[in-house]
């Protein structure tokens, strides 16, 4: 399922790139953005939607849906790429003298 979604996602990515590059630009020169060339809006008039514009919208929706789906499905399989260090062993401290688990002190043998 994830592999199929990934393939669809990549194909939609390339399709968006291709379709956007095929479309004609609106307000091609910088003068139209500042009121020159009879422009009524900042980015030019929208006009009627073209077939390429409608296809771009559909592909963008599919791309967004596959993005969300992959994010949700990928969250279950996430793991850290940082390897954890092995646990550090703490050296055992000797028991305090006089405690029940402490060994009885030994006296060295008297030398004669």
PDB file of N, CA and C in Angstrom:
ATOM      1  N   UNK A   1       0.830  -1.190   0.000  1.00  0.00           N
ATOM      2  CA  UNK A   1       0.000   0.000   0.000  1.00  0.00           C
ATOM      3  C   UNK A   1       0.874   1.253   0.000  1.00  0.00           C
ATOM      4  N   UNK A   2       1.905   1.260   0.851  1.00  0.00           N
ATOM      5  CA  UNK A   2       2.787   2.424   0.922  1.00  0.00           C
ATOM      6  C   UNK A   2       3.566   2.569  -0.377  1.00  0.00           C
ATOM      7  N   UNK A   3       3.973   1.465  -0.954  1.00  0.00           N
ATOM      8  CA  UNK A   3       4.737   1.522  -2.206  1.00  0.00           C
ATOM      9  C   UNK A   3       3.858   2.061  -3.330  1.00  0.00           C
ATOM     10  N   UNK A   4       2.614   1.619  -3.393  1.00  0.00           N
ATOM     11  CA  UNK A   4       1.697   2.105  -4.429  1.00  0.00           C
ATOM     12  C   UNK A   4       1.429   3.597  -4.258  1.00  0.00           C
ATOM     13  N   UNK A   5       1.218   4.038  -3.020  1.00  0.00           N
ATOM     14  CA  UNK A   5       1.006   5.464  -2.767  1.00  0.00           C
ATOM     15  C   UNK A   5       2.245   6.289  -3.123  1.00  0.00           C
ATOM     16  N   UNK A   6       3.413   5.750  -2.844  1.00  0.00           N
ATOM     17  CA  UNK A   6       4.653   6.459  -3.165  1.00  0.00           C
ATOM     18  C   UNK A   6       4.816   6.608  -4.672  1.00  0.00           C
ATOM     19  N   UNK A   7       4.496   5.555  -5.418  1.00  0.00           N
ATOM     20  CA  UNK A   7       4.588   5.614  -6.879  1.00  0.00           C
ATOM     21  C   UNK A   7       3.614   6.651  -7.430  1.00  0.00           C
ATOM     22  N   UNK A   8       2.369   6.644  -6.937  1.00  0.00           N
ATOM     23  CA  UNK A   8       1.375   7.623  -7.373  1.00  0.00           C
ATOM     24  C   UNK A   8       1.832   9.035  -7.008  1.00  0.00           C
ATOM     25  N   UNK A   9       2.393   9.183  -5.819  1.00  0.00           N
ATOM     26  CA  UNK A   9       2.862  10.483  -5.345  1.00  0.00           C
ATOM     27  C   UNK A   9       3.961  11.038  -6.258  1.00  0.00           C
ATOM     28  N   UNK A  10       4.913  10.215  -6.609  1.00  0.00           N
ATOM     29  CA  UNK A  10       6.010  10.659  -7.471  1.00  0.00           C
ATOM     30  C   UNK A  10       5.496  10.984  -8.871  1.00  0.00           C
ATOM     31  N   UNK A  11       4.577  10.171  -9.386  1.00  0.00           N
ATOM     32  CA  UNK A  11       4.008  10.456 -10.706  1.00  0.00           C
ATOM     33  C   UNK A  11       3.237  11.773 -10.698  1.00  0.00           C
ATOM     34  N   UNK A  12       2.490  12.033  -9.639  1.00  0.00           N
ATOM     35  CA  UNK A  12       1.755  13.303  -9.545  1.00  0.00           C
ATOM     36  C   UNK A  12       2.719  14.485  -9.423  1.00  0.00           C
ATOM     37  N   UNK A  13       3.840  14.277  -8.768  1.00  0.00           N
ATOM     38  CA  UNK A  13       4.854  15.324  -8.643  1.00  0.00           C
ATOM     39  C   UNK A  13       5.386  15.706 -10.023  1.00  0.00           C
ATOM     40  N   UNK A  14       5.745  14.717 -10.814  1.00  0.00           N
ATOM     41  CA  UNK A  14       6.234  14.993 -12.166  1.00  0.00           C
ATOM     42  C   UNK A  14       5.131  15.582 -13.045  1.00  0.00           C
ATOM     43  N   UNK A  15       3.895  15.134 -12.844  1.00  0.00           N
ATOM     44  CA  UNK A  15       2.779  15.665 -13.635  1.00  0.00           C
ATOM     45  C   UNK A  15       2.542  17.137 -13.316  1.00  0.00           C
ATOM     46  N   UNK A  16       2.611  17.514 -12.038  1.00  0.00           N
ATOM     47  CA  UNK A  16       2.440  18.920 -11.669  1.00  0.00           C
ATOM     48  C   UNK A  16       3.541  19.767 -12.309  1.00  0.00           C
ATOM     49  N   UNK A  17       4.761  19.291 -12.259  1.00  0.00           N
ATOM     50  CA  UNK A  17       5.872  20.041 -12.849  1.00  0.00           C
ATOM     51  C   UNK A  17       5.642  20.231 -14.344  1.00  0.00           C
ATOM     52  N   UNK A  18       5.275  19.167 -15.036  1.00  0.00           N
ATOM     53  CA  UNK A  18       5.078  19.235 -16.481  1.00  0.00           C
ATOM     54  C   UNK A  18       3.910  20.149 -16.848  1.00  0.00           C
ATOM     55  N   UNK A  19       2.780  20.014 -16.148  1.00  0.00           N
ATOM     56  CA  UNK A  19       1.589  20.805 -16.476  1.00  0.00           C
ATOM     57  C   UNK A  19       1.834  22.291 -16.200  1.00  0.00           C
ATOM     58  N   UNK A  20       2.479  22.602 -15.089  1.00  0.00           N
ATOM     59  CA  UNK A  20       2.741  24.009 -14.765  1.00  0.00           C
ATOM     60  C   UNK A  20       3.693  24.627 -15.788  1.00  0.00           C
ATOM     61  N   UNK A  21       4.681  23.865 -16.232  1.00  0.00           N
ATOM     62  CA  UNK A  21       5.602  24.394 -17.231  1.00  0.00           C
ATOM     63  C   UNK A  21       4.943  24.574 -18.595  1.00  0.00           C
ATOM     64  N   UNK A  22       3.893  23.804 -18.881  1.00  0.00           N
ATOM     65  CA  UNK A  22       3.189  23.930 -20.158  1.00  0.00           C
ATOM     66  C   UNK A  22       2.273  25.150 -20.202  1.00  0.00           C
ATOM     67  N   UNK A  23       1.842  25.632 -19.049  1.00  0.00           N
ATOM     68  CA  UNK A  23       0.886  26.735 -19.020  1.00  0.00           C
ATOM     69  C   UNK A  23       1.554  28.048 -19.375  1.00  0.00           C
ATOM     70  N   UNK A  24       0.774  28.925 -20.003  1.00  0.00           N
ATOM     71  CA  UNK A  24       1.273  30.249 -20.364  1.00  0.00           C
ATOM     72  C   UNK A  24       1.221  31.137 -19.126  1.00  0.00           C
ATOM     73  N   UNK A  25       2.215  31.990 -18.972  1.00  0.00           N
ATOM     74  CA  UNK A  25       2.258  32.894 -17.839  1.00  0.00           C
ATOM     75  C   UNK A  25       1.256  34.024 -17.996  1.00  0.00           C
ATOM     76  N   UNK A  26       0.743  34.513 -16.889  1.00  0.00           N
ATOM     77  CA  UNK A  26      -0.182  35.643 -16.907  1.00  0.00           C
ATOM     78  C   UNK A  26       0.592  36.878 -16.482  1.00  0.00           C
ATOM     79  N   UNK A  27       0.532  37.947 -17.253  1.00  0.00           N
ATOM     80  CA  UNK A  27       1.269  39.163 -16.909  1.00  0.00           C
ATOM     81  C   UNK A  27       2.749  38.926 -17.003  1.00  0.00           C
ATOM     82  N   UNK A  28       3.237  38.590 -18.167  1.00  0.00           N
ATOM     83  CA  UNK A  28       4.622  38.155 -18.331  1.00  0.00           C
ATOM     84  C   UNK A  28       5.648  39.222 -17.993  1.00  0.00           C
ATOM     85  N   UNK A  29       5.327  40.497 -18.198  1.00  0.00           N
ATOM     86  CA  UNK A  29       6.336  41.515 -17.887  1.00  0.00           C
ATOM     87  C   UNK A  29       6.050  42.155 -16.527  1.00  0.00           C
ATOM     88  N   UNK A  30       7.059  42.709 -15.924  1.00  0.00           N
ATOM     89  CA  UNK A  30       6.946  43.266 -14.583  1.00  0.00           C
ATOM     90  C   UNK A  30       6.072  44.510 -14.565  1.00  0.00           C
ATOM     91  N   UNK A  31       5.945  45.192 -15.693  1.00  0.00           N
ATOM     92  CA  UNK A  31       5.139  46.408 -15.738  1.00  0.00           C
ATOM     93  C   UNK A  31       3.667  46.159 -15.481  1.00  0.00           C
ATOM     94  N   UNK A  32       3.162  45.004 -15.859  1.00  0.00           N
ATOM     95  CA  UNK A  32       1.740  44.717 -15.645  1.00  0.00           C
ATOM     96  C   UNK A  32       1.424  44.527 -14.165  1.00  0.00           C
ATOM     97  N   UNK A  33       2.413  44.176 -13.371  1.00  0.00           N
ATOM     98  CA  UNK A  33       2.175  43.993 -11.941  1.00  0.00           C
ATOM     99  C   UNK A  33       1.977  45.326 -11.239  1.00  0.00           C
ATOM    100  N   UNK A  34       2.471  46.425 -11.841  1.00  0.00           N
ATOM    101  CA  UNK A  34       2.367  47.736 -11.217  1.00  0.00           C
ATOM    102  C   UNK A  34       1.407  48.658 -11.951  1.00  0.00           C
ATOM    103  N   UNK A  35       0.446  48.082 -12.652  1.00  0.00           N
ATOM    104  CA  UNK A  35      -0.584  48.894 -13.281  1.00  0.00           C
ATOM    105  C   UNK A  35      -0.316  49.237 -14.723  1.00  0.00           C
ATOM    106  N   UNK A  36       0.773  48.818 -15.270  1.00  0.00           N
ATOM    107  CA  UNK A  36       1.066  49.101 -16.670  1.00  0.00           C
ATOM    108  C   UNK A  36       0.346  48.131 -17.588  1.00  0.00           C
ATOM    109  N   UNK A  37       0.315  48.439 -18.863  1.00  0.00           N
ATOM    110  CA  UNK A  37      -0.257  47.578 -19.914  1.00  0.00           C
ATOM    111  C   UNK A  37      -1.741  47.328 -19.717  1.00  0.00           C
ATOM    112  N   UNK A  38      -2.462  48.244 -19.059  1.00  0.00           N
ATOM    113  CA  UNK A  38      -3.909  48.106 -18.920  1.00  0.00           C
ATOM    114  C   UNK A  38      -4.346  47.007 -17.987  1.00  0.00           C
ATOM    115  N   UNK A  39      -3.508  46.588 -17.071  1.00  0.00           N
ATOM    116  CA  UNK A  39      -3.867  45.528 -16.142  1.00  0.00           C
ATOM    117  C   UNK A  39      -4.795  46.075 -15.063  1.00  0.00           C
ATOM    118  N   UNK A  40      -5.844  45.353 -14.738  1.00  0.00           N
ATOM    119  CA  UNK A  40      -6.805  45.784 -13.724  1.00  0.00           C
ATOM    120  C   UNK A  40      -6.534  45.149 -12.367  1.00  0.00           C
ATOM    121  N   UNK A  41      -5.806  44.087 -12.323  1.00  0.00           N
ATOM    122  CA  UNK A  41      -5.499  43.406 -11.060  1.00  0.00           C
ATOM    123  C   UNK A  41      -3.984  43.305 -10.925  1.00  0.00           C
ATOM    124  N   UNK A  42      -3.536  42.983  -9.738  1.00  0.00           N
ATOM    125  CA  UNK A  42      -2.093  42.894  -9.502  1.00  0.00           C
ATOM    126  C   UNK A  42      -1.464  41.803 -10.357  1.00  0.00           C
ATOM    127  N   UNK A  43      -2.102  40.650 -10.437  1.00  0.00           N
ATOM    128  CA  UNK A  43      -1.544  39.538 -11.192  1.00  0.00           C
ATOM    129  C   UNK A  43      -2.270  39.322 -12.508  1.00  0.00           C
ATOM    130  N   UNK A  44      -2.990  40.303 -13.002  1.00  0.00           N
ATOM    131  CA  UNK A  44      -3.689  40.160 -14.274  1.00  0.00           C
ATOM    132  C   UNK A  44      -5.068  39.583 -14.066  1.00  0.00           C
ATOM    133  N   UNK A  45      -5.874  39.618 -15.088  1.00  0.00           N
ATOM    134  CA  UNK A  45      -7.228  39.092 -14.982  1.00  0.00           C
ATOM    135  C   UNK A  45      -7.194  37.574 -15.078  1.00  0.00           C
ATOM    136  N   UNK A  46      -8.092  36.942 -14.373  1.00  0.00           N
ATOM    137  CA  UNK A  46      -8.125  35.479 -14.342  1.00  0.00           C
ATOM    138  C   UNK A  46      -8.680  34.907 -15.640  1.00  0.00           C
ATOM    139  N   UNK A  47      -9.768  35.471 -16.140  1.00  0.00           N
ATOM    140  CA  UNK A  47     -10.360  34.927 -17.350  1.00  0.00           C
ATOM    141  C   UNK A  47     -11.032  33.597 -17.072  1.00  0.00           C
ATOM    142  N   UNK A  48     -11.366  32.886 -18.122  1.00  0.00           N
ATOM    143  CA  UNK A  48     -12.009  31.581 -17.960  1.00  0.00           C
ATOM    144  C   UNK A  48     -10.950  30.527 -17.680  1.00  0.00           C
ATOM    145  N   UNK A  49     -11.283  29.561 -16.834  1.00  0.00           N
ATOM    146  CA  UNK A  49     -10.295  28.514 -16.549  1.00  0.00           C
ATOM    147  C   UNK A  49     -10.047  27.644 -17.782  1.00  0.00           C
ATOM    148  N   UNK A  50      -8.803  27.339 -18.019  1.00  0.00           N
ATOM    149  CA  UNK A  50      -8.433  26.509 -19.161  1.00  0.00           C
ATOM    150  C   UNK A  50      -8.443  25.041 -18.755  1.00  0.00           C
ATOM    151  N   UNK A  51      -8.308  24.200 -19.761  1.00  0.00           N
ATOM    152  CA  UNK A  51      -8.260  22.757 -19.493  1.00  0.00           C
ATOM    153  C   UNK A  51      -7.021  22.425 -18.666  1.00  0.00           C
ATOM    154  N   UNK A  52      -5.897  23.054 -19.010  1.00  0.00           N
ATOM    155  CA  UNK A  52      -4.673  22.793 -18.241  1.00  0.00           C
ATOM    156  C   UNK A  52      -4.815  23.275 -16.802  1.00  0.00           C
ATOM    157  N   UNK A  53      -5.538  24.355 -16.586  1.00  0.00           N
ATOM    158  CA  UNK A  53      -5.764  24.845 -15.229  1.00  0.00           C
ATOM    159  C   UNK A  53      -6.602  23.877 -14.409  1.00  0.00           C
ATOM    160  N   UNK A  54      -7.605  23.290 -15.048  1.00  0.00           N
ATOM    161  CA  UNK A  54      -8.442  22.308 -14.347  1.00  0.00           C
ATOM    162  C   UNK A  54      -7.659  21.031 -14.048  1.00  0.00           C
ATOM    163  N   UNK A  55      -6.844  20.603 -15.012  1.00  0.00           N
ATOM    164  CA  UNK A  55      -6.026  19.396 -14.796  1.00  0.00           C
ATOM    165  C   UNK A  55      -5.030  19.645 -13.667  1.00  0.00           C
ATOM    166  N   UNK A  56      -4.454  20.842 -13.624  1.00  0.00           N
ATOM    167  CA  UNK A  56      -3.512  21.186 -12.558  1.00  0.00           C
ATOM    168  C   UNK A  56      -4.183  21.105 -11.195  1.00  0.00           C
ATOM    169  N   UNK A  57      -5.407  21.601 -11.105  1.00  0.00           N
ATOM    170  CA  UNK A  57      -6.140  21.540  -9.833  1.00  0.00           C
ATOM    171  C   UNK A  57      -6.405  20.114  -9.388  1.00  0.00           C
ATOM    172  N   UNK A  58      -6.794  19.249 -10.316  1.00  0.00           N
ATOM    173  CA  UNK A  58      -7.069  17.844  -9.975  1.00  0.00           C
ATOM    174  C   UNK A  58      -5.790  17.139  -9.540  1.00  0.00           C
ATOM    175  N   UNK A  59      -4.713  17.359 -10.280  1.00  0.00           N
ATOM    176  CA  UNK A  59      -3.441  16.713  -9.925  1.00  0.00           C
ATOM    177  C   UNK A  59      -2.933  17.233  -8.584  1.00  0.00           C
ATOM    178  N   UNK A  60      -3.120  18.519  -8.320  1.00  0.00           N
ATOM    179  CA  UNK A  60      -2.684  19.083  -7.035  1.00  0.00           C
ATOM    180  C   UNK A  60      -3.465  18.476  -5.874  1.00  0.00           C
ATOM    181  N   UNK A  61      -4.758  18.240  -6.073  1.00  0.00           N
ATOM    182  CA  UNK A  61      -5.569  17.605  -5.019  1.00  0.00           C
ATOM    183  C   UNK A  61      -5.093  16.173  -4.781  1.00  0.00           C
ATOM    184  N   UNK A  62      -4.833  15.423  -5.851  1.00  0.00           N
ATOM    185  CA  UNK A  62      -4.345  14.045  -5.695  1.00  0.00           C
ATOM    186  C   UNK A  62      -2.985  14.045  -5.006  1.00  0.00           C
ATOM    187  N   UNK A  63      -2.106  14.984  -5.388  1.00  0.00           N
ATOM    188  CA  UNK A  63      -0.786  15.092  -4.764  1.00  0.00           C
ATOM    189  C   UNK A  63      -0.910  15.377  -3.265  1.00  0.00           C
ATOM    190  N   UNK A  64      -1.833  16.263  -2.902  1.00  0.00           N
ATOM    191  CA  UNK A  64      -2.036  16.595  -1.489  1.00  0.00           C
ATOM    192  C   UNK A  64      -2.566  15.394  -0.715  1.00  0.00           C
ATOM    193  N   UNK A  65      -3.511  14.681  -1.305  1.00  0.00           N
ATOM    194  CA  UNK A  65      -4.067  13.500  -0.628  1.00  0.00           C
ATOM    195  C   UNK A  65      -3.011  12.410  -0.432  1.00  0.00           C
ATOM    196  N   UNK A  66      -2.178  12.189  -1.438  1.00  0.00           N
ATOM    197  CA  UNK A  66      -1.123  11.182  -1.268  1.00  0.00           C
ATOM    198  C   UNK A  66      -0.088  11.644  -0.241  1.00  0.00           C
ATOM    199  N   UNK A  67       0.157  12.957  -0.173  1.00  0.00           N
ATOM    200  CA  UNK A  67       1.095  13.469   0.832  1.00  0.00           C
ATOM    201  C   UNK A  67       0.588  13.199   2.244  1.00  0.00           C
ATOM    202  N   UNK A  68      -0.681  13.523   2.480  1.00  0.00           N
ATOM    203  CA  UNK A  68      -1.262  13.268   3.806  1.00  0.00           C
ATOM    204  C   UNK A  68      -1.301  11.777   4.123  1.00  0.00           C
ATOM    205  N   UNK A  69      -1.659  10.964   3.137  1.00  0.00           N
ATOM    206  CA  UNK A  69      -1.748   9.521   3.364  1.00  0.00           C
ATOM    207  C   UNK A  69      -0.384   8.941   3.710  1.00  0.00           C
ATOM    208  N   UNK A  70       0.644   9.362   2.981  1.00  0.00           N
ATOM    209  CA  UNK A  70       1.986   8.856   3.272  1.00  0.00           C
ATOM    210  C   UNK A  70       2.488   9.332   4.631  1.00  0.00           C
ATOM    211  N   UNK A  71       2.116  10.541   5.009  1.00  0.00           N
ATOM    212  CA  UNK A  71       2.523  11.046   6.322  1.00  0.00           C
ATOM    213  C   UNK A  71       1.866  10.244   7.437  1.00  0.00           C
ATOM    214  N   UNK A  72       0.593   9.930   7.267  1.00  0.00           N
ATOM    215  CA  UNK A  72      -0.113   9.163   8.297  1.00  0.00           C
ATOM    216  C   UNK A  72       0.410   7.733   8.364  1.00  0.00           C
ATOM    217  N   UNK A  73       0.588   7.105   7.204  1.00  0.00           N
ATOM    218  CA  UNK A  73       1.069   5.722   7.189  1.00  0.00           C
ATOM    219  C   UNK A  73       2.533   5.636   7.620  1.00  0.00           C
ATOM    220  N   UNK A  74       3.321   6.642   7.325  1.00  0.00           N
ATOM    221  CA  UNK A  74       4.734   6.632   7.690  1.00  0.00           C
ATOM    222  C   UNK A  74       4.960   6.888   9.165  1.00  0.00           C
ATOM    223  N   UNK A  75       4.006   7.500   9.843  1.00  0.00           N
ATOM    224  CA  UNK A  75       4.157   7.782  11.272  1.00  0.00           C
ATOM    225  C   UNK A  75       4.165   6.525  12.108  1.00  0.00           C
ATOM    226  N   UNK A  76       3.519   5.472  11.651  1.00  0.00           N
ATOM    227  CA  UNK A  76       3.490   4.214  12.398  1.00  0.00           C
ATOM    228  C   UNK A  76       4.834   3.501  12.354  1.00  0.00           C
ATOM    229  N   UNK A  77       5.602   3.733  11.291  1.00  0.00           N
ATOM    230  CA  UNK A  77       6.850   3.000  11.116  1.00  0.00           C
ATOM    231  C   UNK A  77       8.066   3.840  11.457  1.00  0.00           C
ATOM    232  N   UNK A  78       7.849   4.965  12.081  1.00  0.00           N
ATOM    233  CA  UNK A  78       8.979   5.851  12.331  1.00  0.00           C
ATOM    234  C   UNK A  78       9.893   5.281  13.408  1.00  0.00           C
ATOM    235  N   UNK A  79      11.144   5.511  13.223  1.00  0.00           N
ATOM    236  CA  UNK A  79      12.129   5.120  14.220  1.00  0.00           C
ATOM    237  C   UNK A  79      13.281   6.108  14.121  1.00  0.00           C
ATOM    238  N   UNK A  80      14.062   6.155  15.137  1.00  0.00           N
ATOM    239  CA  UNK A  80      15.162   7.100  15.168  1.00  0.00           C
ATOM    240  C   UNK A  80      16.337   6.559  14.366  1.00  0.00           C
ATOM    241  N   UNK A  81      17.041   7.449  13.696  1.00  0.00           N
ATOM    242  CA  UNK A  81      18.238   7.042  12.977  1.00  0.00           C
ATOM    243  C   UNK A  81      19.468   7.095  13.872  1.00  0.00           C
ATOM    244  N   UNK A  82      19.297   7.669  15.057  1.00  0.00           N
ATOM    245  CA  UNK A  82      20.398   7.751  16.008  1.00  0.00           C
ATOM    246  C   UNK A  82      20.398   6.474  16.838  1.00  0.00           C
ATOM    247  N   UNK A  83      21.507   5.814  16.827  1.00  0.00           N
ATOM    248  CA  UNK A  83      21.602   4.576  17.610  1.00  0.00           C
ATOM    249  C   UNK A  83      21.864   4.929  19.064  1.00  0.00           C
ATOM    250  N   UNK A  84      21.162   4.250  19.938  1.00  0.00           N
ATOM    251  CA  UNK A  84      21.335   4.512  21.362  1.00  0.00           C
ATOM    252  C   UNK A  84      22.585   3.815  21.860  1.00  0.00           C
ATOM    253  N   UNK A  85      23.292   4.465  22.744  1.00  0.00           N
ATOM    254  CA  UNK A  85      24.483   3.879  23.334  1.00  0.00           C
ATOM    255  C   UNK A  85      24.062   2.772  24.295  1.00  0.00           C
ATOM    256  N   UNK A  86      24.881   1.755  24.436  1.00  0.00           N
ATOM    257  CA  UNK A  86      24.533   0.700  25.382  1.00  0.00           C
ATOM    258  C   UNK A  86      24.467   1.267  26.791  1.00  0.00           C
ATOM    259  N   UNK A  87      23.639   0.686  27.633  1.00  0.00           N
ATOM    260  CA  UNK A  87      23.513   1.214  28.994  1.00  0.00           C
ATOM    261  C   UNK A  87      24.842   1.140  29.739  1.00  0.00           C
ATOM    262  N   UNK A  88      25.125   2.174  30.474  1.00  0.00           N
ATOM    263  CA  UNK A  88      26.369   2.247  31.240  1.00  0.00           C
ATOM    264  C   UNK A  88      26.158   1.501  32.549  1.00  0.00           C
ATOM    265  N   UNK A  89      27.064   0.572  32.821  1.00  0.00           N
ATOM    266  CA  UNK A  89      26.931  -0.173  34.076  1.00  0.00           C
ATOM    267  C   UNK A  89      27.608   0.625  35.186  1.00  0.00           C
ATOM    268  N   UNK A  90      26.907   0.746  36.281  1.00  0.00           N
ATOM    269  CA  UNK A  90      27.422   1.481  37.429  1.00  0.00           C
ATOM    270  C   UNK A  90      28.175   0.491  38.304  1.00  0.00           C
ATOM    271  N   UNK A  91      29.424   0.796  38.667  1.00  0.00           N
ATOM    272  CA  UNK A  91      30.145  -0.157  39.527  1.00  0.00           C
ATOM    273  C   UNK A  91      29.467  -0.252  40.889  1.00  0.00           C
ATOM    274  N   UNK A  92      29.426  -1.451  41.373  1.00  0.00           N
ATOM    275  CA  UNK A  92      28.783  -1.686  42.663  1.00  0.00           C
ATOM    276  C   UNK A  92      29.654  -1.094  43.774  1.00  0.00           C
ATOM    277  N   UNK A  93      29.013  -0.388  44.664  1.00  0.00           N
ATOM    278  CA  UNK A  93      29.744   0.167  45.807  1.00  0.00           C
ATOM    279  C   UNK A  93      29.745  -0.867  46.924  1.00  0.00           C
ATOM    280  N   UNK A  94      30.834  -0.967  47.636  1.00  0.00           N
ATOM    281  CA  UNK A  94      30.865  -1.946  48.730  1.00  0.00           C
ATOM    282  C   UNK A  94      29.901  -1.506  49.832  1.00  0.00           C
ATOM    283  N   UNK A  95      29.281  -2.455  50.498  1.00  0.00           N
ATOM    284  CA  UNK A  95      28.357  -2.104  51.574  1.00  0.00           C
ATOM    285  C   UNK A  95      29.088  -1.411  52.722  1.00  0.00           C
ATOM    286  N   UNK A  96      28.354  -0.598  53.419  1.00  0.00           N
ATOM    287  CA  UNK A  96      28.938   0.150  54.539  1.00  0.00           C
ATOM    288  C   UNK A  96      29.330  -0.810  55.653  1.00  0.00           C
ATOM    289  N   UNK A  97      30.404  -0.485  56.372  1.00  0.00           N
ATOM    290  CA  UNK A  97      30.805  -1.376  57.472  1.00  0.00           C
ATOM    291  C   UNK A  97      29.735  -1.396  58.555  1.00  0.00           C
ATOM    292  N   UNK A  98      29.510  -2.540  59.087  1.00  0.00           N
ATOM    293  CA  UNK A  98      28.537  -2.716  60.162  1.00  0.00           C
ATOM    294  C   UNK A  98      27.151  -3.054  59.647  1.00  0.00           C
ATOM    295  N   UNK A  99      26.955  -3.025  58.345  1.00  0.00           N
ATOM    296  CA  UNK A  99      25.637  -3.400  57.834  1.00  0.00           C
ATOM    297  C   UNK A  99      25.536  -4.916  57.814  1.00  0.00           C
ATOM    298  N   UNK A 100      24.336  -5.450  57.844  1.00  0.00           N
ATOM    299  CA  UNK A 100      24.188  -6.916  57.915  1.00  0.00           C
ATOM    300  C   UNK A 100      24.805  -7.642  56.737  1.00  0.00           C
ATOM    301  N   UNK A 101      24.844  -7.014  55.569  1.00  0.00           N
ATOM    302  CA  UNK A 101      25.388  -7.730  54.422  1.00  0.00           C
ATOM    303  C   UNK A 101      26.895  -7.538  54.301  1.00  0.00           C
ATOM    304  N   UNK A 102      27.475  -6.690  55.132  1.00  0.00           N
ATOM    305  CA  UNK A 102      28.921  -6.455  55.075  1.00  0.00           C
ATOM    306  C   UNK A 102      29.649  -7.638  55.694  1.00  0.00           C
ATOM    307  N   UNK A 103      30.740  -8.031  55.083  1.00  0.00           N
ATOM    308  CA  UNK A 103      31.506  -9.126  55.684  1.00  0.00           C
ATOM    309  C   UNK A 103      32.167  -8.653  56.981  1.00  0.00           C
ATOM    310  N   UNK A 104      32.349  -9.571  57.854  1.00  0.00           N
ATOM    311  CA  UNK A 104      32.973  -9.231  59.138  1.00  0.00           C
ATOM    312  C   UNK A 104      34.412  -8.825  58.905  1.00  0.00           C
ATOM    313  N   UNK A 105      34.859  -7.763  59.581  1.00  0.00           N
ATOM    314  CA  UNK A 105      36.258  -7.361  59.372  1.00  0.00           C
ATOM    315  C   UNK A 105      37.198  -8.436  59.898  1.00  0.00           C
ATOM    316  N   UNK A 106      38.206  -8.633  59.148  1.00  0.00           N
ATOM    317  CA  UNK A 106      39.206  -9.638  59.579  1.00  0.00           C
ATOM    318  C   UNK A 106      40.425  -8.897  60.109  1.00  0.00           C
ATOM    319  N   UNK A 107      40.970  -9.464  61.123  1.00  0.00           N
ATOM    320  CA  UNK A 107      42.171  -8.863  61.693  1.00  0.00           C
ATOM    321  C   UNK A 107      43.359  -9.613  61.134  1.00  0.00           C
ATOM    322  N   UNK A 108      44.369  -8.890  60.781  1.00  0.00           N
ATOM    323  CA  UNK A 108      45.532  -9.599  60.246  1.00  0.00           C
ATOM    324  C   UNK A 108      46.171 -10.431  61.355  1.00  0.00           C
ATOM    325  N   UNK A 109      46.723 -11.530  60.972  1.00  0.00           N
ATOM    326  CA  UNK A 109      47.381 -12.363  62.003  1.00  0.00           C
ATOM    327  C   UNK A 109      48.570 -11.625  62.634  1.00  0.00           C
ATOM    328  N   UNK A 110      48.705 -11.832  63.907  1.00  0.00           N
ATOM    329  CA  UNK A 110      49.785 -11.149  64.618  1.00  0.00           C
ATOM    330  C   UNK A 110      51.110 -11.764  64.225  1.00  0.00           C
ATOM    331  N   UNK A 111      52.018 -10.931  63.880  1.00  0.00           N
ATOM    332  CA  UNK A 111      53.336 -11.454  63.505  1.00  0.00           C
ATOM    333  C   UNK A 111      54.233 -11.484  64.743  1.00  0.00           C
ATOM    334  N   UNK A 112      54.972 -12.508  64.948  1.00  0.00           N
ATOM    335  CA  UNK A 112      55.834 -12.691  66.112  1.00  0.00           C
ATOM    336  C   UNK A 112      57.238 -12.637  65.752  1.00  0.00           C
TER     337      UNK A 112
END
